[in-house]
Amino acid sequence: MNKKIKIAVNTRFLISDKLEGIGTYTNEVLKRLVNEMPEVDFHFLFDRPFSKEFIYADNVIPHQIGFPARHPFLWYLWFEFSVNNWLTKNKMDLFISPDSFLSLKTSTPSFLIMHDLAFEHFPNHNTFLVRHYYKHFFPKYAEKAEKIFAVSKFTKQDIVQKYKIKEDKIELAYCGVSEFYKPLSFAEKENTKKEIANSKPYYICIGSLNPRKNINKAVEAFNLFKTENKNFEHKLVIVGAKGWKTNQLFEEINTSIYKQDIILTGHLEPKKLSKYLGAADALIFPSLFEGFGIPIVEAYKCQIPVITSNVSSTKEIGNEAAILINPENVKEICSAMVQIQQKEFNFAAFISESQKKLEIYDWNRSSEVIKEEIVKHFL
């Protein structure tokens, strides 16, 4: 490298104690990229007051611009005015956006990280305004970007097919697993069960509470599992912040005869989540659609079994390393839970395959992919 460049990054999802899928991706990739490229100035663009924990190194210059952008009208104003004006005024060499959004007005070359096109497949899972914003702007963002990074092969092919983007414009930069996740000792598992589940065994679901995560089917399967297997004392732990259209889920929980065995934790910070995940009998991740599915690889790292959907990217991430189920079929989910209790699957083989996958789904590799493209295009 013989030229110092200035890179602006959309960091509006870096919110302390509230990192979920996109925020986790942004955090994990950026802290590596910043430290791997100390000769580059990274200008982080926040839409609200920021935490110092995200200023990873001396070459990070934070800026709070505009206003909190959490609504379609405000998205438009923030990206097309606040971001565009700031990029123009400060003469950036590159703009990186890790949350699928871009500024269409900017003349600054842009790299875009796209996570999924779920709204194209399940449009009714979003509100009217959000759905129409995505459908109008996301194809334009994909066309605008100099380079797109997709988080899975499935997402890459979805972008190619839905938006007619050339394959060579899209690179794979997978999700990975943070350092907090690891297998627990027997004693650690027992202590965690005592803390969260009154010393009972439990299954765990992880994800924002919204229709796409399909957690209501996990609750139905849990009800069936308990009804048909009276000797099992299991509980169901559901981890995730309340999202939208949750009426069906909470009706399922509140009318369950096993309501006292269903535990809602809300959002958890990674250290606690890794502990609760590592002590579970298995992860149930019955999502209807994912661009990747980070909880799956987090469970791999904790070396616990995974039950996940045989659709979208979860099929790709879970193939040969998880029990794949039809997410709409409650009996299949229940049967998988019974399989795990009765040791009717080759756990050693699953662990072996999952460890191979962890070599691919690695934050270091993803940051290296993005770094290589920066060098190729700008240095």
Protein backbone atom coordinates (compact mmCIF):
# COMPACT_ATOMS: atom_id res chain seq x y z
CA MET A 1 0.00 0.00 0.00
CA ASN A 2 1.46 3.33 -1.01
CA LYS A 3 -1.53 5.62 -0.66
CA LYS A 4 -3.47 6.53 2.45
CA ILE A 5 -7.18 6.45 1.79
CA LYS A 6 -10.26 7.61 3.68
CA ILE A 7 -13.11 5.13 4.09
CA ALA A 8 -16.49 6.07 5.50
CA VAL A 9 -18.59 3.30 7.06
CA ASN A 10 -22.27 3.24 7.91
CA THR A 11 -22.20 2.14 11.56
CA ARG A 12 -25.78 2.92 12.61
CA PHE A 13 -26.28 -0.67 13.85
CA LEU A 14 -23.40 -0.44 16.33
CA ILE A 15 -25.54 0.13 19.41
CA SER A 16 -24.16 -0.88 22.79
CA ASP A 17 -25.91 -3.92 24.34
CA LYS A 18 -28.24 -4.19 21.34
CA LEU A 19 -26.18 -6.02 18.75
CA GLU A 20 -28.25 -8.53 16.81
CA GLY A 21 -27.55 -10.03 13.37
CA ILE A 22 -26.47 -7.01 11.32
CA GLY A 23 -24.94 -5.25 14.32
CA THR A 24 -22.91 -8.34 15.17
CA TYR A 25 -21.67 -8.64 11.58
CA THR A 26 -20.73 -4.94 11.50
CA ASN A 27 -18.90 -5.16 14.83
CA GLU A 28 -16.98 -8.36 14.14
CA VAL A 29 -15.85 -7.46 10.62
CA LEU A 30 -15.00 -3.83 11.29
CA LYS A 31 -12.88 -4.39 14.39
CA ARG A 32 -10.74 -6.80 12.36
CA LEU A 33 -10.62 -4.64 9.23
CA VAL A 34 -9.59 -1.54 11.18
CA ASN A 35 -6.74 -3.32 12.90
CA GLU A 36 -5.59 -5.04 9.70
CA MET A 37 -5.40 -1.70 7.85
CA PRO A 38 -3.81 0.79 10.29
CA GLU A 39 -2.66 3.02 7.44
CA VAL A 40 -6.29 3.70 6.40
CA ASP A 41 -8.51 6.28 8.10
CA PHE A 42 -11.93 4.80 8.87
CA HIS A 43 -14.68 7.37 9.42
CA PHE A 44 -17.59 5.75 11.28
CA LEU A 45 -20.96 7.39 10.61
CA PHE A 46 -23.41 6.99 13.50
CA ASP A 47 -27.01 8.17 13.53
CA ARG A 48 -27.08 8.64 17.33
CA PRO A 49 -24.66 9.04 20.26
CA PHE A 50 -22.09 6.24 20.06
CA SER A 51 -20.22 4.08 22.55
CA LYS A 52 -16.43 4.24 22.82
CA GLU A 53 -16.33 0.42 22.68
CA PHE A 54 -16.79 0.70 18.91
CA ILE A 55 -13.80 3.01 18.40
CA TYR A 56 -11.48 0.06 17.92
CA ALA A 57 -8.23 1.84 17.15
CA ASP A 58 -6.55 5.20 16.57
CA ASN A 59 -7.42 5.11 12.87
CA VAL A 60 -11.17 5.21 13.63
CA ILE A 61 -12.72 8.70 13.52
CA PRO A 62 -16.35 8.69 14.74
CA HIS A 63 -19.04 11.11 13.55
CA GLN A 64 -22.63 11.49 14.65
CA ILE A 65 -24.58 12.84 11.69
CA GLY A 66 -28.24 13.51 11.02
CA PHE A 67 -30.75 11.87 13.31
CA PRO A 68 -31.75 8.33 14.40
CA ALA A 69 -32.82 6.59 11.18
CA ARG A 70 -35.28 3.85 12.14
CA HIS A 71 -38.26 4.53 9.86
CA PRO A 72 -38.60 4.50 6.03
CA PHE A 73 -38.92 8.28 5.74
CA LEU A 74 -35.93 8.78 8.02
CA TRP A 75 -33.91 6.11 6.20
CA TYR A 76 -34.34 8.09 3.01
CA LEU A 77 -33.41 11.41 4.60
CA TRP A 78 -30.40 9.97 6.43
CA PHE A 79 -28.85 8.18 3.44
CA GLU A 80 -29.78 10.58 0.66
CA PHE A 81 -29.10 13.81 2.55
CA SER A 82 -27.11 13.36 5.78
CA VAL A 83 -24.78 10.67 4.43
CA ASN A 84 -24.54 12.03 0.89
CA ASN A 85 -23.78 15.57 2.06
CA TRP A 86 -21.18 14.35 4.55
CA LEU A 87 -19.44 12.14 1.95
CA THR A 88 -19.36 14.99 -0.57
CA LYS A 89 -18.05 17.53 1.92
CA ASN A 90 -15.33 15.25 3.29
CA LYS A 91 -14.20 13.73 -0.02
CA MET A 92 -14.17 10.06 0.96
CA ASP A 93 -12.49 7.49 -1.28
CA LEU A 94 -14.96 4.72 -0.41
CA PHE A 95 -18.24 4.24 1.43
CA ILE A 96 -18.95 0.83 3.00
CA SER A 97 -22.48 0.01 4.13
CA PRO A 98 -22.91 -3.28 6.05
CA ASP A 99 -26.72 -3.16 6.40
CA SER A 100 -27.96 -3.49 2.78
CA PHE A 101 -28.68 0.28 2.45
CA LEU A 102 -26.82 2.83 0.32
CA SER A 103 -27.03 6.44 -0.75
CA LEU A 104 -28.14 6.64 -4.36
CA LYS A 105 -27.17 10.29 -4.64
CA THR A 106 -23.56 9.95 -3.61
CA SER A 107 -20.79 9.93 -6.20
CA THR A 108 -18.48 8.18 -3.70
CA PRO A 109 -17.72 4.57 -4.76
CA SER A 110 -19.67 2.20 -2.52
CA PHE A 111 -19.32 -1.33 -1.20
CA LEU A 112 -22.54 -2.98 -0.05
CA ILE A 113 -23.00 -5.95 2.30
CA MET A 114 -26.35 -7.66 1.69
CA HIS A 115 -27.73 -10.11 4.23
CA ASP A 116 -30.98 -11.37 2.73
CA LEU A 117 -33.95 -10.60 0.51
CA ALA A 118 -36.51 -12.03 2.92
CA PHE A 119 -39.06 -9.35 2.03
CA GLU A 120 -39.12 -10.64 -1.56
CA HIS A 121 -40.18 -14.09 -0.33
CA PHE A 122 -42.34 -13.16 2.67
CA PRO A 123 -43.61 -9.63 1.92
CA ASN A 124 -46.37 -9.78 4.54
CA HIS A 125 -43.83 -10.17 7.34
CA ASN A 126 -43.09 -6.45 7.07
CA THR A 127 -45.28 -3.39 7.43
CA PHE A 128 -46.61 -1.76 4.26
CA LEU A 129 -44.10 1.11 4.24
CA VAL A 130 -41.07 -1.05 5.06
CA ARG A 131 -41.99 -3.64 2.43
CA HIS A 132 -42.42 -1.07 -0.32
CA TYR A 133 -39.26 0.79 0.65
CA TYR A 134 -37.22 -2.40 0.43
CA LYS A 135 -38.78 -3.49 -2.87
CA HIS A 136 -38.20 -0.08 -4.44
CA PHE A 137 -34.70 0.68 -3.18
CA PHE A 138 -32.84 -2.61 -2.69
CA PRO A 139 -32.58 -3.40 -6.44
CA LYS A 140 -31.28 0.13 -6.97
CA TYR A 141 -28.73 -0.29 -4.16
CA ALA A 142 -27.51 -3.54 -5.68
CA GLU A 143 -27.13 -1.88 -9.07
CA LYS A 144 -25.39 1.17 -7.57
CA ALA A 145 -22.72 -0.69 -5.58
CA GLU A 146 -19.22 -1.12 -6.98
CA LYS A 147 -19.02 -4.45 -5.16
CA ILE A 148 -21.53 -6.51 -3.19
CA PHE A 149 -20.65 -8.91 -0.38
CA ALA A 150 -23.20 -11.64 0.34
CA VAL A 151 -23.23 -13.53 3.63
CA SER A 152 -24.09 -16.93 2.10
CA LYS A 153 -24.19 -18.72 -1.24
CA PHE A 154 -27.97 -18.70 -1.01
CA THR A 155 -28.08 -14.92 -0.61
CA LYS A 156 -25.67 -14.46 -3.51
CA GLN A 157 -27.84 -16.53 -5.83
CA ASP A 158 -30.97 -14.76 -4.61
CA ILE A 159 -29.44 -11.37 -5.55
CA VAL A 160 -28.34 -12.69 -8.94
CA GLN A 161 -31.76 -14.14 -9.73
CA LYS A 162 -34.01 -11.43 -8.29
CA TYR A 163 -32.03 -8.37 -9.37
CA LYS A 164 -30.14 -9.70 -12.43
CA ILE A 165 -26.78 -8.77 -10.93
CA LYS A 166 -23.72 -10.41 -12.49
CA GLU A 167 -22.19 -13.10 -10.29
CA ASP A 168 -18.69 -11.66 -10.54
CA LYS A 169 -19.89 -8.45 -8.88
CA ILE A 170 -20.70 -10.42 -5.69
CA GLU A 171 -18.16 -11.86 -3.28
CA LEU A 172 -18.89 -14.16 -0.36
CA ALA A 173 -18.10 -12.76 3.08
CA TYR A 174 -19.76 -15.19 5.45
CA CYS A 175 -20.85 -14.63 9.03
CA GLY A 176 -18.76 -16.15 11.81
CA VAL A 177 -18.76 -16.75 15.56
CA SER A 178 -17.49 -14.44 18.29
CA GLU A 179 -14.88 -15.51 20.81
CA PHE A 180 -17.48 -15.73 23.60
CA TYR A 181 -18.89 -19.01 22.30
CA LYS A 182 -17.27 -22.25 23.48
CA PRO A 183 -18.21 -25.66 24.88
CA LEU A 184 -19.13 -25.67 28.58
CA SER A 185 -17.94 -28.12 31.19
CA PHE A 186 -20.48 -30.36 32.94
CA ALA A 187 -20.34 -28.15 36.04
CA GLU A 188 -20.84 -24.97 33.99
CA LYS A 189 -23.86 -26.53 32.29
CA GLU A 190 -25.41 -27.55 35.60
CA ASN A 191 -24.87 -24.10 37.11
CA THR A 192 -26.44 -22.45 34.07
CA LYS A 193 -29.45 -24.75 34.15
CA LYS A 194 -29.91 -23.84 37.80
CA GLU A 195 -29.73 -20.14 36.90
CA ILE A 196 -32.13 -20.12 33.96
CA ALA A 197 -34.32 -23.23 34.17
CA ASN A 198 -34.63 -24.27 37.83
CA SER A 199 -32.02 -27.00 37.18
CA LYS A 200 -34.12 -28.59 34.43
CA PRO A 201 -32.88 -29.43 30.92
CA TYR A 202 -34.03 -27.10 28.17
CA TYR A 203 -34.16 -26.36 24.48
CA ILE A 204 -33.31 -22.86 23.30
CA CYS A 205 -34.64 -20.63 20.49
CA ILE A 206 -32.71 -17.51 19.49
CA GLY A 207 -33.87 -14.65 17.31
CA SER A 208 -35.80 -11.41 17.18
CA LEU A 209 -39.45 -12.13 17.87
CA ASN A 210 -41.06 -11.68 14.46
CA PRO A 211 -43.01 -13.94 12.07
CA ARG A 212 -40.00 -14.89 9.93
CA LYS A 213 -38.25 -16.53 12.89
CA ASN A 214 -41.27 -18.88 13.19
CA ILE A 215 -40.80 -19.36 16.93
CA ASN A 216 -44.51 -20.02 17.35
CA LYS A 217 -43.94 -23.38 15.62
CA ALA A 218 -41.19 -24.17 18.11
CA VAL A 219 -43.67 -23.46 20.91
CA GLU A 220 -46.25 -25.74 19.26
CA ALA A 221 -43.60 -28.46 18.90
CA PHE A 222 -42.61 -28.01 22.55
CA ASN A 223 -46.25 -28.45 23.61
CA LEU A 224 -46.46 -31.66 21.59
CA PHE A 225 -43.10 -32.87 22.91
CA LYS A 226 -44.23 -32.40 26.52
CA THR A 227 -47.65 -33.93 25.91
CA GLU A 228 -46.28 -37.07 24.27
CA ASN A 229 -43.28 -37.48 26.59
CA LYS A 230 -44.45 -37.06 30.18
CA ASN A 231 -41.10 -38.26 31.54
CA PHE A 232 -39.21 -35.29 30.04
CA GLU A 233 -38.91 -32.28 32.36
CA HIS A 234 -37.65 -29.89 29.73
CA LYS A 235 -38.23 -26.19 29.47
CA LEU A 236 -38.12 -23.95 26.42
CA VAL A 237 -35.94 -20.82 26.60
CA ILE A 238 -36.70 -18.12 24.02
CA VAL A 239 -34.02 -15.43 23.58
CA GLY A 240 -34.65 -12.30 21.56
CA ALA A 241 -35.99 -8.78 21.57
CA LYS A 242 -39.66 -8.26 20.77
CA GLY A 243 -40.02 -7.37 17.11
CA TRP A 244 -43.23 -6.99 15.13
CA LYS A 245 -46.40 -9.00 14.47
CA THR A 246 -45.94 -11.06 17.64
CA ASN A 247 -49.62 -11.66 18.46
CA GLN A 248 -49.62 -15.24 17.19
CA LEU A 249 -46.47 -16.12 19.13
CA PHE A 250 -47.68 -14.69 22.42
CA GLU A 251 -51.10 -16.27 21.99
CA GLU A 252 -49.36 -19.62 21.51
CA ILE A 253 -47.32 -19.08 24.67
CA ASN A 254 -50.15 -17.74 26.82
CA THR A 255 -52.57 -20.53 25.92
CA SER A 256 -50.01 -23.32 26.35
CA ILE A 257 -50.69 -25.72 29.21
CA TYR A 258 -46.90 -25.69 29.65
CA LYS A 259 -46.71 -21.91 29.91
CA GLN A 260 -44.80 -22.19 33.20
CA ASP A 261 -42.06 -24.08 31.33
CA ILE A 262 -41.57 -21.42 28.65
CA ILE A 263 -38.97 -18.80 29.58
CA LEU A 264 -38.65 -15.47 27.73
CA THR A 265 -35.35 -13.72 28.38
CA GLY A 266 -35.52 -10.79 25.96
CA HIS A 267 -32.29 -9.71 24.27
CA LEU A 268 -29.08 -10.98 25.92
CA GLU A 269 -25.53 -9.69 25.64
CA PRO A 270 -23.12 -12.20 24.04
CA LYS A 271 -21.42 -13.47 27.21
CA LYS A 272 -24.69 -14.48 28.82
CA LEU A 273 -26.17 -15.77 25.57
CA SER A 274 -23.15 -18.00 24.96
CA LYS A 275 -23.61 -19.51 28.42
CA TYR A 276 -27.34 -20.14 27.96
CA LEU A 277 -26.74 -21.62 24.51
CA GLY A 278 -23.89 -23.85 25.68
CA ALA A 279 -26.00 -25.41 28.46
CA ALA A 280 -29.00 -26.22 26.23
CA ASP A 281 -29.82 -29.72 25.04
CA ALA A 282 -30.13 -28.26 21.53
CA LEU A 283 -30.83 -25.12 19.54
CA ILE A 284 -34.19 -25.00 17.75
CA PHE A 285 -33.92 -22.56 14.85
CA PRO A 286 -37.03 -23.08 12.67
CA SER A 287 -36.77 -19.84 10.67
CA LEU A 288 -38.82 -19.54 7.50
CA PHE A 289 -36.05 -17.58 5.79
CA GLU A 290 -32.49 -16.51 6.61
CA GLY A 291 -29.64 -14.87 4.77
CA PHE A 292 -27.29 -16.83 7.03
CA GLY A 293 -28.42 -17.83 10.54
CA ILE A 294 -25.68 -16.87 13.02
CA PRO A 295 -27.19 -18.83 15.98
CA ILE A 296 -26.54 -22.05 14.06
CA VAL A 297 -22.78 -21.54 13.94
CA GLU A 298 -22.78 -20.22 17.51
CA ALA A 299 -24.31 -23.58 18.53
CA TYR A 300 -21.63 -25.38 16.49
CA LYS A 301 -18.98 -23.52 18.47
CA CYS A 302 -20.68 -24.55 21.74
CA GLN A 303 -20.86 -28.13 20.42
CA ILE A 304 -24.56 -28.62 21.02
CA PRO A 305 -27.01 -30.22 18.53
CA VAL A 306 -28.95 -28.02 16.12
CA ILE A 307 -32.48 -28.42 14.75
CA THR A 308 -33.00 -26.04 11.84
CA SER A 309 -35.00 -25.47 8.67
CA ASN A 310 -34.43 -27.21 5.36
CA VAL A 311 -34.99 -23.94 3.45
CA SER A 312 -33.01 -20.86 2.34
CA SER A 313 -29.51 -20.48 3.82
CA THR A 314 -30.21 -22.55 6.94
CA LYS A 315 -30.19 -25.62 4.71
CA GLU A 316 -26.77 -24.54 3.39
CA ILE A 317 -25.35 -23.79 6.85
CA GLY A 318 -26.96 -26.81 8.51
CA ASN A 319 -26.40 -29.45 5.83
CA GLU A 320 -24.81 -32.60 7.35
CA ALA A 321 -24.14 -30.79 10.64
CA ALA A 322 -27.70 -30.33 11.92
CA ILE A 323 -31.08 -32.05 11.95
CA LEU A 324 -32.98 -30.41 9.08
CA ILE A 325 -36.75 -30.07 9.39
CA ASN A 326 -39.67 -28.58 7.51
CA PRO A 327 -40.23 -25.39 9.54
CA GLU A 328 -43.98 -25.56 8.96
CA ASN A 329 -44.26 -29.14 10.26
CA VAL A 330 -44.68 -29.21 14.05
CA LYS A 331 -44.45 -33.00 14.17
CA GLU A 332 -41.07 -32.94 12.43
CA ILE A 333 -39.71 -30.42 14.92
CA CYS A 334 -41.05 -32.49 17.81
CA SER A 335 -39.60 -35.67 16.33
CA ALA A 336 -36.18 -34.03 16.10
CA MET A 337 -36.41 -33.05 19.77
CA VAL A 338 -37.19 -36.67 20.68
CA GLN A 339 -34.31 -37.89 18.50
CA ILE A 340 -31.93 -35.79 20.52
CA GLN A 341 -33.23 -37.09 23.85
CA GLN A 342 -33.11 -40.70 22.72
CA LYS A 343 -29.69 -40.33 21.07
CA GLU A 344 -31.14 -41.46 17.74
CA PHE A 345 -28.64 -39.50 15.66
CA ASN A 346 -24.88 -39.58 15.20
CA PHE A 347 -23.84 -36.70 17.45
CA ALA A 348 -20.12 -37.34 16.90
CA ALA A 349 -20.58 -37.07 13.12
CA PHE A 350 -22.56 -33.83 13.53
CA ILE A 351 -19.82 -32.34 15.69
CA SER A 352 -17.17 -33.35 13.17
CA GLU A 353 -19.07 -31.72 10.29
CA SER A 354 -19.87 -28.61 12.29
CA GLN A 355 -16.20 -28.06 13.12
CA LYS A 356 -15.37 -28.23 9.40
CA LYS A 357 -17.97 -25.55 8.75
CA LEU A 358 -16.48 -23.30 11.42
CA GLU A 359 -13.27 -23.20 9.37
CA ILE A 360 -15.30 -21.56 6.57
CA TYR A 361 -17.66 -19.41 8.61
CA ASP A 362 -15.00 -17.28 10.23
CA TRP A 363 -14.93 -13.51 10.83
CA ASN A 364 -11.20 -13.33 10.02
CA ARG A 365 -11.80 -14.79 6.58
CA SER A 366 -14.70 -12.42 5.91
CA SER A 367 -12.73 -9.32 6.86
CA GLU A 368 -9.87 -10.53 4.65
CA VAL A 369 -12.25 -10.83 1.67
CA ILE A 370 -13.37 -7.23 2.12
CA LYS A 371 -9.81 -6.03 2.68
CA GLU A 372 -8.69 -7.67 -0.58
CA GLU A 373 -11.40 -5.84 -2.51
CA ILE A 374 -10.41 -2.51 -0.96
CA VAL A 375 -6.81 -3.09 -1.99
CA LYS A 376 -7.83 -4.21 -5.47
CA HIS A 377 -10.07 -1.21 -6.16
CA PHE A 378 -8.38 1.65 -4.34
CA LEU A 379 -4.75 0.93 -3.54
